[in-house]
Amino acid sequence: MEKIYRKEFPNPQFERKNWQNLNGEWEFEIDKSNSGEERKIYENALSGKIIVPFCPESKLSGVHNVDFMNSVWYRKEIEVSAESLKNNIFIHFGAVDYKATLFVNNKKVGTHFGGYTSFYFNITKYLTAGKNKICLHAEDDNRSGNQPAGKQSDRYHSYDCDYTRTTGIWQTVWIEFVPKRHIKSVKYFPNYKESTLTIEAECEGCETLEAKAAFDGKTVGEASAEYTGSSVVLTMKLSETHLWELGRGGLYDLELTYGEDKVYSYFGLRNVWMDGMKFMLNGKSVFQRLVLDQGFYPDGIYTAKCEEDLINDIKISMGLGFNGARLHQKVFEPRFLYHCDRLGYMVWGEHGNWGLNHTKVDALHQFLPEWIEAVERDFNHPSIIGWCPFNETWDLRGNRQCDAVIEDVYKATKALDKTRPCIDTSGHFHVITDIYDVHDYEQDPTVFKKTYDDFAKYKTLEYSLEKNPATKGRQPYNDEAFFVSEYGGMRWDAENTGTGWGYGNEPKTEQEFIERYKGLTDTLLDNEKMFGFCYTQLYDVEQEINGLYTYHRKPKFAPEIFRKINERKAKIED
């Protein structure tokens, strides 16, 4: 019997019960000359096999080809009934890196650009009752400079902080059976003070939208509104107030009905904003004790083998005393975000912008459409407390970043979502931003402390960034809220490989490692102008050995050591 990985529904915030998981064995072929479409490769059986949803570079895929693959093909046979064809049949792809073109029964359906975001096609008119052929062509070239690739290596081997590539399908594929009149998308606007939820829904067809909220199985709110164009807006008063809290979560179940269509969802009652230098969560100053999470797995690369692996990464982070993470250089899957929501774990939504040539204005066209998809898809997650489209926009081949690209993406993000802060480009070089963050891998706690003591004393970064010629004169500080969003990164070769990459000089003993960690972290907790920190990083990834856990998620030190250091009350907290 075929073994199916990742059987759970991929997006718990927008779930219909009538669906079919297409993970498992697909036909597969590498198209070295990228001539498959001309040869009509989709008309015949492919030469190999692959296990979806794992990328062909991974061991779990059964292919394990780590060389560059600029063109790959997938093919699978599905069966549908005549009865199901009376409604819509959507095929969903959680993510395909990078350009995905779908064929159904030898006919081209459509194309999607972007390696990190979910997309779907209505394939009803291409199907017939009985057996049908689904074929997907994925094109990927992360050396082109024309696509975001995150931490995927642009060399044959992994090196420094760039790792094994991901090509093609890397999240769940499924089909959904949907009524003609249906809910297309929803946005939630909770108000923790008023105990209300406003729902803005985009719908197909004229019906009445009905919403019912429950907490622990008890109905606590109901509302309805009629279709008035392409959207429906309603506000629901909640009879019970349960705030979303760090370390506890607290989610309301939500059932949405639109004619014959029924969607199961959830929401958290939480609002976030910046109050001067403070980060506010439901009216309380909260210190962001964050850790860098790269979202890589030894056997699945970008894709966790099972849901328990997603949950485990959150739990090991919380066990170390962190209350959230920067989800770094990758748009994480909705199922991971669901568990962040459920467990009360705050995260920054980011994009994998590395690999994109951000020095030319064309980058806006290559970046913004997918970023818009990411923000719209993940808008409703209470765990996401901020957006960060770019990270470290270094000069490329002597050319500086195109400031207009950074600024336009920031403005588009704020137009899409006014409920969260946005960092334009983390670390450097800021153009227009709600929060000013820096990356500082100074390893000497004494030097590190003087830098940020000076910042608190003089209320300017003129002093603290004077030592860094990379930032001097490039990103003026305008009294924005401030935090160090990357620090530490200490090498520790727990598996005695004798090699490995990390920041600065490696501590000689376990005690030196712990003392350095405490010295660096205490500096940030005790700074009255600092609302958070982000330590690099949660676990090792391939040759990068600066995690507090190994790549196989084994602790390098007793977790309670770091928990005690991290959880101490910060100066800026209430």
Protein backbone atom coordinates (compact mmCIF):
# COMPACT_ATOMS: atom_id res chain seq x y z
CA MET A 1 0.00 0.00 0.00
CA GLU A 2 1.31 3.45 -0.95
CA LYS A 3 2.67 5.45 1.99
CA ILE A 4 1.33 8.99 2.06
CA TYR A 5 3.26 11.71 3.91
CA ARG A 6 1.68 14.87 5.30
CA LYS A 7 -1.93 13.67 5.34
CA GLU A 8 -3.26 16.57 7.40
CA PHE A 9 -5.22 19.40 5.75
CA PRO A 10 -2.59 22.02 4.77
CA ASN A 11 -4.43 25.19 5.83
CA PRO A 12 -6.54 24.94 9.02
CA GLN A 13 -7.63 28.57 8.68
CA PHE A 14 -9.60 27.84 5.53
CA GLU A 15 -10.70 24.22 5.59
CA ARG A 16 -13.42 22.44 3.69
CA LYS A 17 -14.26 18.84 4.51
CA ASN A 18 -14.69 17.75 0.89
CA TRP A 19 -11.10 17.43 -0.29
CA GLN A 20 -8.60 14.86 -1.52
CA ASN A 21 -4.88 14.71 -0.70
CA LEU A 22 -2.70 14.12 -3.80
CA ASN A 23 0.56 13.55 -1.92
CA GLY A 24 2.37 10.30 -2.52
CA GLU A 25 4.00 8.78 -5.59
CA TRP A 26 4.01 10.81 -8.81
CA GLU A 27 5.79 10.19 -12.09
CA PHE A 28 8.85 12.44 -12.37
CA GLU A 29 11.46 13.44 -14.93
CA ILE A 30 14.34 15.92 -15.07
CA ASP A 31 14.18 17.91 -18.32
CA LYS A 32 17.84 18.88 -18.79
CA SER A 33 17.27 20.84 -22.00
CA ASN A 34 13.99 22.42 -20.81
CA SER A 35 12.38 21.30 -24.05
CA GLY A 36 9.63 19.20 -22.52
CA GLU A 37 6.79 21.49 -23.46
CA GLU A 38 7.91 21.56 -27.09
CA ARG A 39 8.19 17.77 -27.04
CA LYS A 40 4.74 17.51 -25.40
CA ILE A 41 6.24 15.46 -22.60
CA TYR A 42 2.95 15.76 -20.69
CA GLU A 43 1.22 13.42 -23.16
CA ASN A 44 3.17 10.32 -22.08
CA ALA A 45 4.41 8.58 -18.97
CA LEU A 46 7.50 10.09 -17.32
CA SER A 47 10.68 8.07 -16.82
CA GLY A 48 11.02 8.22 -13.02
CA LYS A 49 9.17 8.40 -9.70
CA ILE A 50 9.09 10.90 -6.83
CA ILE A 51 7.37 11.11 -3.45
CA VAL A 52 5.40 14.36 -3.15
CA PRO A 53 5.53 16.76 -1.28
CA PHE A 54 9.31 16.43 -0.96
CA CYS A 55 11.68 18.25 -3.34
CA PRO A 56 13.86 16.05 -5.58
CA GLU A 57 17.00 17.22 -3.73
CA SER A 58 15.75 15.55 -0.53
CA LYS A 59 16.21 11.97 0.62
CA LEU A 60 12.50 11.60 1.38
CA SER A 61 11.61 12.28 -2.26
CA GLY A 62 13.36 9.09 -3.35
CA VAL A 63 15.28 11.07 -5.99
CA HIS A 64 18.01 12.77 -3.90
CA ASN A 65 19.58 14.67 -6.80
CA VAL A 66 21.42 17.65 -5.32
CA ASP A 67 22.66 19.07 -8.62
CA PHE A 68 20.98 22.03 -10.33
CA MET A 69 17.68 21.10 -11.96
CA ASN A 70 16.31 23.98 -14.02
CA SER A 71 13.35 22.06 -15.38
CA VAL A 72 11.41 19.14 -13.88
CA TRP A 73 8.08 17.45 -14.66
CA TYR A 74 5.48 15.74 -12.47
CA ARG A 75 2.57 13.58 -13.61
CA LYS A 76 -0.25 11.85 -11.74
CA GLU A 77 -3.56 10.22 -12.60
CA ILE A 78 -6.63 11.19 -10.59
CA GLU A 79 -10.19 9.98 -10.76
CA VAL A 80 -13.30 12.13 -10.39
CA SER A 81 -16.98 11.27 -10.48
CA ALA A 82 -19.64 12.74 -12.74
CA GLU A 83 -21.43 13.98 -9.61
CA SER A 84 -18.40 15.99 -8.43
CA LEU A 85 -18.18 17.75 -11.81
CA LYS A 86 -21.51 19.49 -11.13
CA ASN A 87 -19.60 21.88 -8.85
CA ASN A 88 -16.09 23.38 -8.98
CA ILE A 89 -12.96 21.31 -8.62
CA PHE A 90 -9.90 23.30 -7.53
CA ILE A 91 -6.37 21.92 -7.51
CA HIS A 92 -4.15 23.50 -4.85
CA PHE A 93 -0.36 23.58 -4.59
CA GLY A 94 1.07 24.59 -1.22
CA ALA A 95 4.28 25.77 -2.90
CA VAL A 96 6.25 25.04 -6.06
CA ASP A 97 9.71 26.49 -6.67
CA TYR A 98 9.69 28.50 -8.91
CA LYS A 99 7.65 28.82 -12.15
CA ALA A 100 4.85 26.27 -12.23
CA THR A 101 2.80 25.46 -15.34
CA LEU A 102 -0.13 23.05 -15.06
CA PHE A 103 -1.51 20.76 -17.75
CA VAL A 104 -4.70 18.73 -17.32
CA ASN A 105 -5.50 16.05 -19.90
CA ASN A 106 -2.80 17.53 -22.18
CA LYS A 107 -4.26 21.06 -22.06
CA LYS A 108 -2.43 24.00 -20.52
CA VAL A 109 -4.39 25.42 -17.57
CA GLY A 110 -2.18 28.24 -16.27
CA THR A 111 1.14 29.38 -14.80
CA HIS A 112 2.19 30.63 -11.37
CA PHE A 113 5.42 32.47 -10.52
CA GLY A 114 6.88 32.28 -7.01
CA GLY A 115 8.56 29.52 -5.04
CA TYR A 116 7.03 30.19 -1.62
CA THR A 117 3.31 30.96 -1.91
CA SER A 118 0.22 28.82 -2.36
CA PHE A 119 -1.88 28.89 -5.51
CA TYR A 120 -4.76 27.04 -7.12
CA PHE A 121 -6.51 26.57 -10.45
CA ASN A 122 -10.15 25.81 -11.22
CA ILE A 123 -9.76 22.71 -13.40
CA THR A 124 -13.42 21.71 -13.69
CA LYS A 125 -13.75 22.36 -17.42
CA TYR A 126 -10.59 20.36 -18.18
CA LEU A 127 -11.82 17.22 -16.42
CA THR A 128 -14.03 14.33 -17.46
CA ALA A 129 -15.77 11.72 -15.34
CA GLY A 130 -13.32 8.91 -14.61
CA LYS A 131 -9.54 9.02 -14.94
CA ASN A 132 -7.66 12.27 -15.68
CA LYS A 133 -3.98 13.19 -16.19
CA ILE A 134 -2.46 15.98 -14.08
CA CYS A 135 0.96 17.24 -15.22
CA LEU A 136 3.06 19.99 -13.67
CA HIS A 137 6.15 21.62 -15.15
CA ALA A 138 8.44 23.44 -12.67
CA GLU A 139 11.25 25.74 -13.82
CA ASP A 140 13.84 26.96 -11.32
CA ASP A 141 17.04 28.98 -11.75
CA ASN A 142 18.24 30.53 -8.50
CA ARG A 143 21.46 31.76 -10.14
CA SER A 144 19.60 34.05 -12.52
CA GLY A 145 19.15 36.95 -10.09
CA ASN A 146 15.53 37.10 -11.24
CA GLN A 147 13.89 35.11 -8.47
CA PRO A 148 13.97 35.07 -4.66
CA ALA A 149 15.70 31.90 -3.45
CA GLY A 150 16.31 32.45 0.26
CA LYS A 151 19.10 30.34 1.71
CA GLN A 152 19.34 28.03 -1.31
CA SER A 153 22.95 27.70 -2.44
CA ASP A 154 23.95 29.24 -5.77
CA ARG A 155 26.90 26.84 -5.91
CA TYR A 156 26.91 23.08 -6.37
CA HIS A 157 27.84 22.59 -2.71
CA SER A 158 26.32 24.25 0.34
CA TYR A 159 28.58 26.84 1.93
CA ASP A 160 28.57 29.28 4.88
CA CYS A 161 24.89 30.10 5.52
CA ASP A 162 23.57 28.83 2.16
CA TYR A 163 22.18 25.33 2.02
CA THR A 164 20.78 22.59 -0.22
CA ARG A 165 18.37 23.86 -2.88
CA THR A 166 14.67 23.09 -3.26
CA THR A 167 13.21 22.58 -6.73
CA GLY A 168 9.61 21.95 -7.74
CA ILE A 169 6.80 20.79 -5.44
CA TRP A 170 7.65 21.10 -1.74
CA GLN A 171 4.27 21.41 -0.03
CA THR A 172 1.06 19.39 -0.15
CA VAL A 173 -0.98 19.09 -3.35
CA TRP A 174 -4.73 18.61 -3.00
CA ILE A 175 -8.03 18.95 -4.83
CA GLU A 176 -11.10 20.56 -3.34
CA PHE A 177 -14.74 20.13 -4.33
CA VAL A 178 -16.42 23.53 -4.01
CA PRO A 179 -19.97 24.80 -4.71
CA LYS A 180 -20.46 27.27 -7.57
CA ARG A 181 -21.38 29.94 -5.02
CA HIS A 182 -18.58 29.98 -2.48
CA ILE A 183 -16.27 31.95 -0.24
CA LYS A 184 -13.06 32.87 -2.07
CA SER A 185 -11.08 34.50 0.76
CA VAL A 186 -11.54 36.13 4.18
CA LYS A 187 -9.77 38.75 6.29
CA TYR A 188 -10.25 39.00 10.06
CA PHE A 189 -10.04 42.22 12.08
CA PRO A 190 -10.26 41.42 15.81
CA ASN A 191 -10.73 44.13 18.44
CA TYR A 192 -9.62 42.97 21.86
CA LYS A 193 -11.06 46.01 23.69
CA GLU A 194 -14.53 45.71 22.18
CA SER A 195 -14.52 41.88 22.00
CA THR A 196 -15.54 41.96 18.35
CA LEU A 197 -14.46 40.35 15.12
CA THR A 198 -15.00 42.06 11.77
CA ILE A 199 -14.93 39.72 8.78
CA GLU A 200 -14.34 40.88 5.23
CA ALA A 201 -15.07 38.10 2.75
CA GLU A 202 -14.65 37.93 -1.00
CA CYS A 203 -17.26 35.63 -2.46
CA GLU A 204 -18.51 34.14 -5.71
CA GLY A 205 -22.24 34.40 -6.33
CA CYS A 206 -25.09 36.02 -4.37
CA GLU A 207 -25.76 34.48 -0.95
CA THR A 208 -25.82 35.42 2.73
CA LEU A 209 -22.62 34.97 4.73
CA GLU A 210 -23.25 33.45 8.15
CA ALA A 211 -20.54 33.35 10.81
CA LYS A 212 -20.56 31.45 14.10
CA ALA A 213 -17.77 31.65 16.69
CA ALA A 214 -17.16 29.19 19.51
CA PHE A 215 -14.67 28.88 22.36
CA ASP A 216 -14.05 25.46 23.93
CA GLY A 217 -17.10 24.19 22.09
CA LYS A 218 -19.47 26.89 23.36
CA THR A 219 -21.07 29.30 20.88
CA VAL A 220 -20.03 32.85 21.78
CA GLY A 221 -21.03 34.87 18.74
CA GLU A 222 -23.13 34.83 15.57
CA ALA A 223 -23.63 37.30 12.74
CA SER A 224 -24.72 37.41 9.11
CA ALA A 225 -24.63 39.78 6.14
CA GLU A 226 -25.86 39.68 2.57
CA TYR A 227 -23.72 39.88 -0.54
CA THR A 228 -23.33 43.48 -1.70
CA GLY A 229 -20.91 43.16 -4.61
CA SER A 230 -17.68 41.20 -4.64
CA SER A 231 -17.30 41.32 -0.85
CA VAL A 232 -19.30 40.82 2.33
CA VAL A 233 -18.49 42.66 5.56
CA LEU A 234 -19.90 41.84 9.00
CA THR A 235 -19.01 42.51 12.62
CA MET A 236 -19.67 39.92 15.32
CA LYS A 237 -19.91 40.74 19.03
CA LEU A 238 -18.39 38.05 21.27
CA SER A 239 -20.18 37.16 24.49
CA GLU A 240 -16.94 35.95 26.09
CA THR A 241 -13.51 37.59 25.94
CA HIS A 242 -10.53 35.27 25.70
CA LEU A 243 -7.35 37.12 24.74
CA TRP A 244 -4.67 35.44 22.65
CA GLU A 245 -1.65 35.11 24.96
CA LEU A 246 2.00 34.17 24.60
CA GLY A 247 2.71 30.63 25.71
CA ARG A 248 -1.00 29.81 25.91
CA GLY A 249 -2.62 30.76 22.63
CA GLY A 250 -6.39 30.95 22.97
CA LEU A 251 -8.19 30.45 19.67
CA TYR A 252 -11.85 30.84 18.79
CA ASP A 253 -13.27 28.32 16.32
CA LEU A 254 -15.09 29.96 13.43
CA GLU A 255 -17.62 28.41 11.06
CA LEU A 256 -18.49 30.30 7.88
CA THR A 257 -21.47 29.38 5.71
CA TYR A 258 -22.28 30.84 2.30
CA GLY A 259 -25.17 29.02 0.66
CA GLU A 260 -24.01 25.41 0.29
CA ASP A 261 -20.38 26.31 1.00
CA LYS A 262 -19.03 25.77 4.50
CA VAL A 263 -15.54 26.80 5.64
CA TYR A 264 -14.00 25.94 9.02
CA SER A 265 -11.57 28.47 10.43
CA TYR A 266 -10.36 30.12 13.63
CA PHE A 267 -9.08 33.45 14.94
CA GLY A 268 -7.29 34.95 17.91
CA LEU A 269 -8.44 38.00 19.81
CA ARG A 270 -5.29 40.07 19.71
CA ASN A 271 -4.01 43.45 18.54
CA VAL A 272 -0.41 44.60 18.23
CA TRP A 273 1.19 48.02 17.78
CA MET A 274 4.29 50.05 18.59
CA ASP A 275 4.05 52.62 21.39
CA GLY A 276 7.23 54.65 21.14
CA MET A 277 10.01 52.15 21.82
CA LYS A 278 7.61 49.51 23.19
CA PHE A 279 5.98 46.60 21.40
CA MET A 280 2.41 46.27 22.64
CA LEU A 281 0.37 43.07 22.66
CA ASN A 282 -3.24 43.64 23.73
CA GLY A 283 -2.21 46.75 25.64
CA LYS A 284 0.77 45.17 27.43
CA SER A 285 4.44 45.89 26.77
CA VAL A 286 6.00 42.60 25.72
CA PHE A 287 9.69 41.91 25.12
CA GLN A 288 10.27 39.87 21.96
CA ARG A 289 12.60 37.01 22.93
CA LEU A 290 13.10 35.69 19.42
CA VAL A 291 15.28 33.09 17.80
CA LEU A 292 16.21 32.67 14.14
CA ASP A 293 14.42 29.67 12.58
CA GLN A 294 15.52 28.73 9.05
CA GLY A 295 12.88 26.05 8.41
CA PHE A 296 15.25 23.34 7.13
CA TYR A 297 15.11 19.59 7.82
CA PRO A 298 17.88 16.98 7.26
CA ASP A 299 15.74 14.53 5.30
CA GLY A 300 13.14 16.84 3.72
CA ILE A 301 15.15 20.10 3.19
CA TYR A 302 12.33 22.72 3.05
CA THR A 303 9.65 20.21 4.07
CA ALA A 304 9.08 18.56 7.44
CA LYS A 305 8.56 14.80 7.29
CA CYS A 306 5.54 14.99 9.57
CA GLU A 307 3.42 17.49 11.45
CA GLU A 308 5.09 16.51 14.72
CA ASP A 309 8.37 17.93 13.40
CA LEU A 310 6.70 21.33 12.92
CA ILE A 311 5.36 21.26 16.47
CA ASN A 312 8.70 20.10 17.88
CA ASP A 313 10.58 23.11 16.50
CA ILE A 314 8.20 25.45 18.31
CA LYS A 315 8.40 23.47 21.53
CA ILE A 316 12.21 23.29 21.62
CA SER A 317 12.31 27.05 21.09
CA MET A 318 9.84 27.67 23.93
CA GLY A 319 11.81 25.24 26.08
CA LEU A 320 14.85 27.48 25.63
CA GLY A 321 12.89 30.47 26.90
CA PHE A 322 12.11 32.10 23.55
CA ASN A 323 8.58 33.40 22.98
CA GLY A 324 8.82 33.66 19.22
CA ALA A 325 10.97 33.55 16.10
CA ARG A 326 12.05 35.27 12.97
CA LEU A 327 10.92 32.79 10.31
CA HIS A 328 14.00 33.49 8.29
CA GLN A 329 14.45 33.77 4.51
CA LYS A 330 11.45 31.56 3.83
CA VAL A 331 7.66 31.84 3.76
CA PHE A 332 6.68 29.08 6.17
CA GLU A 333 3.74 26.78 5.49
CA PRO A 334 0.28 27.57 6.95
CA ARG A 335 0.28 24.38 9.03
CA PHE A 336 3.37 25.59 10.92
CA LEU A 337 1.73 28.97 11.48
CA TYR A 338 -1.37 27.22 12.81
CA HIS A 339 0.69 25.63 15.57
CA CYS A 340 2.29 29.00 16.34
CA ASP A 341 -1.25 30.36 16.68
CA ARG A 342 -2.34 27.45 18.84
CA LEU A 343 0.67 27.52 21.18
CA GLY A 344 0.92 31.30 21.57
CA TYR A 345 4.23 31.76 19.76
CA MET A 346 4.82 35.08 17.96
CA VAL A 347 6.66 35.20 14.65
CA TRP A 348 7.77 37.64 11.98
CA GLY A 349 6.50 36.87 8.49
CA GLU A 350 9.42 37.14 6.07
CA HIS A 351 10.31 36.33 2.46
CA GLY A 352 13.30 34.47 1.05
CA ASN A 353 14.59 37.51 -0.85
CA TRP A 354 18.22 36.40 -1.21
CA GLY A 355 19.09 35.44 -4.76
CA LEU A 356 17.05 38.32 -6.18
CA ASN A 357 19.03 41.18 -7.72
CA HIS A 358 17.58 44.04 -5.67
CA THR A 359 19.85 46.63 -7.30
CA LYS A 360 17.57 47.09 -10.32
CA VAL A 361 14.02 48.33 -10.52
CA ASP A 362 12.94 45.14 -12.31
CA ALA A 363 13.20 43.43 -8.93
CA LEU A 364 9.88 45.02 -7.98
CA HIS A 365 8.05 43.02 -10.66
CA GLN A 366 9.89 39.83 -9.69
CA PHE A 367 9.26 40.24 -5.94
CA LEU A 368 6.08 42.16 -5.20
CA PRO A 369 3.38 39.87 -6.68
CA GLU A 370 4.52 36.90 -4.60
CA TRP A 371 4.98 39.03 -1.48
CA ILE A 372 1.41 40.28 -1.87
CA GLU A 373 0.26 36.65 -2.05
CA ALA A 374 2.19 35.85 1.14
CA VAL A 375 0.73 38.76 3.11
CA GLU A 376 -2.81 38.03 1.92
CA ARG A 377 -2.53 34.30 2.63
CA ASP A 378 -1.15 34.74 6.15
CA PHE A 379 -2.96 37.93 7.19
CA ASN A 380 -5.27 36.17 9.67
CA HIS A 381 -2.63 34.41 11.78
CA PRO A 382 -2.53 35.97 15.29
CA SER A 383 1.01 34.63 15.74
CA ILE A 384 2.34 36.89 12.97
CA ILE A 385 3.12 40.18 14.71
CA GLY A 386 5.05 41.90 11.92
CA TRP A 387 6.19 41.74 8.30
CA CYS A 388 9.73 41.84 6.94
CA PRO A 389 9.91 41.47 3.14
CA PHE A 390 13.70 41.90 2.77
CA ASN A 391 16.74 40.82 4.77
CA GLU A 392 20.26 42.27 4.42
CA THR A 393 20.11 43.92 1.03
CA TRP A 394 23.85 43.98 0.52
CA ASP A 395 25.55 45.67 -2.42
CA LEU A 396 25.79 43.29 -5.36
CA ARG A 397 28.76 43.40 -7.72
CA GLY A 398 29.47 46.96 -6.62
CA ASN A 399 25.89 48.15 -7.11
CA ARG A 400 23.78 49.52 -4.26
CA GLN A 401 20.23 48.41 -3.58
CA CYS A 402 17.47 50.15 -5.52
CA ASP A 403 15.89 52.18 -2.72
CA ALA A 404 12.68 52.59 -4.75
CA VAL A 405 12.15 48.81 -4.69
CA ILE A 406 12.53 48.66 -0.91
CA GLU A 407 10.27 51.68 -0.41
CA ASP A 408 7.54 50.51 -2.80
CA VAL A 409 7.38 47.06 -1.20
CA TYR A 410 7.13 48.64 2.25
CA LYS A 411 4.29 50.92 1.08
CA ALA A 412 2.47 48.02 -0.57
CA THR A 413 2.77 45.99 2.64
CA LYS A 414 1.28 48.82 4.70
CA ALA A 415 -1.54 49.22 2.16
CA LEU A 416 -2.34 45.51 2.50
CA ASP A 417 -2.04 45.46 6.30
CA LYS A 418 -2.24 48.45 8.61
CA THR A 419 -2.60 46.22 11.68
CA ARG A 420 1.07 45.22 12.01
CA PRO A 421 4.47 46.94 11.94
CA CYS A 422 6.69 46.42 8.90
CA ILE A 423 10.50 46.34 8.70
CA ASP A 424 11.54 47.31 5.19
CA THR A 425 14.82 45.37 5.08
CA SER A 426 16.17 43.72 8.20
CA GLY A 427 19.68 44.67 9.27
CA HIS A 428 20.51 47.01 6.40
CA PHE A 429 19.97 49.15 4.48
CA HIS A 430 16.80 50.79 5.80
CA VAL A 431 14.90 53.21 3.55
CA ILE A 432 11.47 53.62 5.16
CA THR A 433 10.52 51.47 8.14
CA ASP A 434 8.33 51.21 11.24
CA ILE A 435 11.15 49.57 13.20
CA TYR A 436 14.88 50.09 12.98
CA ASP A 437 16.75 46.84 13.53
CA VAL A 438 20.42 45.93 13.30
CA HIS A 439 22.44 42.73 12.98
CA ASP A 440 25.43 42.67 15.29
CA TYR A 441 27.68 39.62 15.66
CA GLU A 442 30.15 41.20 18.06
CA GLN A 443 31.37 38.35 20.28
CA ASP A 444 32.84 40.35 23.15
CA PRO A 445 30.04 41.09 25.67
CA THR A 446 31.92 44.16 27.00
CA VAL A 447 32.18 45.78 23.57
CA PHE A 448 28.60 44.73 22.76
CA LYS A 449 27.31 46.32 25.97
CA LYS A 450 29.07 49.64 25.38
CA THR A 451 27.54 49.88 21.89
CA TYR A 452 23.96 49.65 23.15
CA ASP A 453 24.53 51.53 26.39
CA ASP A 454 25.68 54.40 24.17
CA PHE A 455 22.52 54.07 22.11
CA ALA A 456 20.30 54.25 25.22
CA LYS A 457 22.30 57.18 26.64
CA TYR A 458 22.58 59.38 23.56
CA LYS A 459 19.28 58.30 21.89
CA THR A 460 21.01 58.11 18.55
CA LEU A 461 22.69 55.41 16.52
CA GLU A 462 25.42 57.79 15.42
CA TYR A 463 27.53 56.36 18.22
CA SER A 464 26.59 52.70 18.10
CA LEU A 465 27.01 52.30 14.32
CA GLU A 466 30.16 54.42 14.03
CA LYS A 467 32.25 51.25 14.10
CA ASN A 468 30.42 49.73 11.14
CA PRO A 469 31.40 51.30 7.81
CA ALA A 470 28.82 49.13 6.02
CA THR A 471 25.97 51.07 7.62
CA LYS A 472 27.53 54.49 8.15
CA GLY A 473 25.76 57.10 6.06
CA ARG A 474 23.47 54.53 4.46
CA GLN A 475 20.51 54.34 6.83
CA PRO A 476 19.81 57.35 9.03
CA TYR A 477 18.09 56.63 12.32
CA ASN A 478 14.85 58.61 12.83
CA ASP A 479 13.87 57.66 16.38
CA GLU A 480 12.08 54.46 15.34
CA ALA A 481 11.51 51.59 17.77
CA PHE A 482 14.71 49.57 17.91
CA PHE A 483 15.98 46.04 18.44
CA VAL A 484 18.91 43.78 17.58
CA SER A 485 17.33 41.24 15.24
CA GLU A 486 20.44 39.08 14.81
CA TYR A 487 23.22 38.49 17.34
CA GLY A 488 25.27 35.68 18.81
CA GLY A 489 25.73 33.04 16.13
CA MET A 490 28.39 31.28 18.21
CA ARG A 491 29.94 28.17 16.67
CA TRP A 492 29.76 25.00 18.71
CA ASP A 493 30.72 21.74 17.04
CA ALA A 494 28.60 19.39 19.15
CA GLU A 495 28.95 16.45 16.75
CA ASN A 496 32.75 16.82 16.47
CA THR A 497 32.79 17.17 12.70
CA GLY A 498 36.00 19.18 12.85
CA THR A 499 34.54 21.64 10.36
CA GLY A 500 31.68 24.08 10.31
CA TRP A 501 30.75 27.69 9.83
CA GLY A 502 29.62 30.29 12.33
CA TYR A 503 30.25 33.83 13.49
CA GLY A 504 33.35 35.06 15.29
CA ASN A 505 35.72 33.04 17.44
CA GLU A 506 34.38 29.75 18.79
CA PRO A 507 34.22 29.50 22.61
CA LYS A 508 36.82 27.10 23.98
CA THR A 509 34.63 25.58 26.69
CA GLU A 510 30.96 25.06 27.46
CA GLN A 511 31.26 27.52 30.33
CA GLU A 512 32.72 30.19 28.04
CA PHE A 513 29.83 29.64 25.60
CA ILE A 514 27.22 30.07 28.33
CA GLU A 515 28.91 33.12 29.85
CA ARG A 516 29.18 34.79 26.46
CA TYR A 517 25.52 34.02 25.71
CA LYS A 518 24.48 35.48 29.06
CA GLY A 519 26.65 38.59 28.65
CA LEU A 520 25.28 39.38 25.19
CA THR A 521 21.66 38.65 26.11
CA ASP A 522 21.73 40.51 29.43
CA THR A 523 22.86 43.63 27.54
CA LEU A 524 19.69 43.58 25.46
CA LEU A 525 17.29 42.66 28.28
CA ASP A 526 18.65 45.48 30.44
CA ASN A 527 18.47 48.19 27.77
CA GLU A 528 15.51 50.50 28.31
CA LYS A 529 15.37 51.38 24.59
CA MET A 530 15.26 47.76 23.38
CA PHE A 531 11.92 45.97 22.79
CA GLY A 532 13.38 42.64 21.74
CA PHE A 533 16.22 40.48 20.46
CA CYS A 534 16.68 37.63 18.02
CA TYR A 535 19.44 35.07 18.64
CA THR A 536 21.14 33.25 15.76
CA GLN A 537 20.02 30.48 15.78
CA LEU A 538 17.68 27.69 16.96
CA TYR A 539 19.43 24.69 15.35
CA ASP A 540 22.38 23.96 13.07
CA VAL A 541 21.70 23.74 9.34
CA GLU A 542 24.12 21.59 7.37
CA GLN A 543 27.59 23.22 7.72
CA GLU A 544 26.32 26.17 9.78
CA ILE A 545 26.91 25.07 13.38
CA ASN A 546 25.77 28.06 15.43
CA GLY A 547 22.50 26.55 16.66
CA LEU A 548 21.59 25.83 20.26
CA TYR A 549 20.41 22.45 18.93
CA THR A 550 22.02 20.26 16.27
CA TYR A 551 20.52 19.86 12.81
CA HIS A 552 18.91 16.62 14.03
CA ARG A 553 17.30 18.57 16.89
CA LYS A 554 19.50 17.34 19.72
CA PRO A 555 20.32 19.88 22.48
CA LYS A 556 23.96 20.97 22.68
CA PHE A 557 23.54 22.17 26.27
CA ALA A 558 20.87 21.79 28.93
CA PRO A 559 17.94 23.90 27.61
CA GLU A 560 17.06 25.21 31.07
CA ILE A 561 20.35 27.17 31.14
CA PHE A 562 19.16 29.40 28.29
CA ARG A 563 15.58 29.42 29.51
CA LYS A 564 16.70 30.98 32.79
CA ILE A 565 18.73 33.66 30.98
CA ASN A 566 16.06 34.47 28.37
CA GLU A 567 12.98 34.62 30.57
CA ARG A 568 14.31 37.22 32.99
CA LYS A 569 12.17 40.36 32.94
CA ALA A 570 13.35 43.00 30.48
CA LYS A 571 13.81 46.66 31.40
CA ILE A 572 11.19 47.83 28.88
CA GLU A 573 8.45 45.42 29.98
CA ASP A 574 5.54 46.43 32.20
